[in-house]
């Protein structure tokens, strides 16, 4: 919705600008200076749009990196939890005892 708004707004502004440029009373001549100025304007506008797009992508990339770091930390924590349970099971298997997970700290620390 937001992108559609900006697209429609830019088209309306372009049409208004075109109407103002054609609404000239004096004769309209295209010589070398006018042509170069028009081309320079189009290049400037396109470069401005490309730089804006790059800045937008940089911000989005930063958000994606933060989300990936968050997922990585969650995965690391899950790995540590599973590793701890495996070590506890190995200890229990070596000792030949039945063990509840609530008792794990008392056995490991003793």
Protein backbone atom coordinates (compact mmCIF):
# COMPACT_ATOMS: atom_id res chain seq x y z
CA UNK A 1 0.00 0.00 0.00
CA UNK A 2 2.78 2.39 0.92
CA UNK A 3 4.70 1.62 -2.28
CA UNK A 4 1.59 2.17 -4.39
CA UNK A 5 1.10 5.58 -2.79
CA UNK A 6 4.64 6.66 -3.64
CA UNK A 7 4.35 5.32 -7.19
CA UNK A 8 1.11 7.19 -7.83
CA UNK A 9 2.47 10.36 -6.24
CA UNK A 10 5.61 10.30 -8.39
CA UNK A 11 3.56 9.77 -11.58
CA UNK A 12 1.26 12.68 -10.69
CA UNK A 13 4.25 14.96 -9.99
CA UNK A 14 5.86 13.93 -13.29
CA UNK A 15 2.66 14.69 -15.22
CA UNK A 16 2.31 18.08 -13.51
CA UNK A 17 5.95 18.91 -14.28
CA UNK A 18 5.46 17.89 -17.92
CA UNK A 19 2.37 20.10 -18.18
CA UNK A 20 4.26 23.09 -16.77
CA UNK A 21 7.19 22.55 -19.11
CA UNK A 22 4.92 22.36 -22.16
CA UNK A 23 2.83 25.35 -21.06
CA UNK A 24 5.29 27.85 -22.37
CA UNK A 25 4.13 30.84 -24.41
CA UNK A 26 7.46 31.49 -26.10
CA UNK A 27 8.63 29.20 -28.87
CA UNK A 28 10.22 26.04 -27.59
CA UNK A 29 13.59 25.32 -29.18
CA UNK A 30 15.79 22.39 -28.33
CA UNK A 31 19.42 23.30 -28.77
CA UNK A 32 22.57 21.68 -27.41
CA UNK A 33 22.39 23.36 -24.00
CA UNK A 34 18.79 22.34 -23.37
CA UNK A 35 19.50 18.79 -24.48
CA UNK A 36 22.55 18.47 -22.22
CA UNK A 37 20.62 19.96 -19.30
CA UNK A 38 17.76 17.52 -19.81
CA UNK A 39 20.07 14.52 -19.99
CA UNK A 40 21.98 15.71 -16.90
CA UNK A 41 18.68 16.06 -15.03
CA UNK A 42 17.60 12.53 -15.93
CA UNK A 43 20.99 11.15 -14.88
CA UNK A 44 20.82 13.06 -11.59
CA UNK A 45 17.34 11.82 -10.80
CA UNK A 46 18.21 8.20 -11.66
CA UNK A 47 21.38 8.30 -9.54
CA UNK A 48 19.41 9.78 -6.64
CA UNK A 49 16.86 6.98 -6.88
CA UNK A 50 19.59 4.34 -7.02
CA UNK A 51 21.36 5.75 -3.97
CA UNK A 52 18.05 5.85 -2.08
CA UNK A 53 17.43 2.23 -3.03
CA UNK A 54 20.90 1.25 -1.79
CA UNK A 55 20.32 3.01 1.54
CA UNK A 56 16.97 1.24 1.92
CA UNK A 57 18.62 -2.12 1.21
CA UNK A 58 21.37 -1.39 3.73
CA UNK A 59 18.79 -0.74 6.44
CA UNK A 60 16.88 -3.91 5.54
CA UNK A 61 20.12 -5.91 5.52
CA UNK A 62 20.94 -4.63 9.00
CA UNK A 63 17.54 -5.81 10.26
CA UNK A 64 18.08 -9.22 8.64
CA UNK A 65 21.50 -9.55 10.27
CA UNK A 66 20.02 -8.75 13.68
CA UNK A 67 17.32 -11.39 13.17
CA UNK A 68 19.94 -13.95 12.14
CA UNK A 69 22.01 -13.17 15.24
CA UNK A 70 18.93 -13.70 17.40
CA UNK A 71 18.18 -17.05 15.72
CA UNK A 72 21.84 -18.05 16.04
CA UNK A 73 21.82 -17.31 19.78
CA UNK A 74 18.64 -19.35 20.25
CA UNK A 75 20.16 -22.25 18.33
CA UNK A 76 23.36 -22.00 20.39
CA UNK A 77 21.36 -22.10 23.61
CA UNK A 78 19.41 -25.15 22.40
CA UNK A 79 22.71 -26.83 21.51
CA UNK A 80 24.09 -26.15 24.98
CA UNK A 81 20.93 -27.53 26.61
CA UNK A 82 21.05 -30.71 24.53
CA UNK A 83 24.78 -31.12 25.20
CA UNK A 84 24.18 -30.80 28.93
CA UNK A 85 21.44 -33.44 28.80
CA UNK A 86 23.71 -35.77 26.83
CA UNK A 87 26.53 -35.34 29.36
CA UNK A 88 24.09 -36.04 32.17
CA UNK A 89 22.83 -39.19 30.46
CA UNK A 90 26.41 -40.37 29.90
CA UNK A 91 27.11 -39.83 33.59
CA UNK A 92 23.99 -41.74 34.57
CA UNK A 93 24.83 -44.59 32.20
CA UNK A 94 28.35 -44.85 33.63
CA UNK A 95 27.07 -44.88 37.19
CA UNK A 96 24.15 -47.18 36.40
CA UNK A 97 21.64 -45.01 38.27
CA UNK A 98 18.16 -43.86 37.48
CA UNK A 99 18.03 -40.09 37.47
CA UNK A 100 15.42 -37.37 37.20
CA UNK A 101 16.44 -34.19 35.47
CA UNK A 102 15.57 -32.25 38.63
CA UNK A 103 18.39 -34.04 40.46
CA UNK A 104 21.02 -33.32 37.82
CA UNK A 105 22.66 -30.41 39.58
CA UNK A 106 22.98 -32.21 42.87
CA UNK A 107 24.67 -35.22 41.25
CA UNK A 108 26.94 -33.24 38.94
CA UNK A 109 28.07 -30.86 41.68
CA UNK A 110 28.71 -33.60 44.25
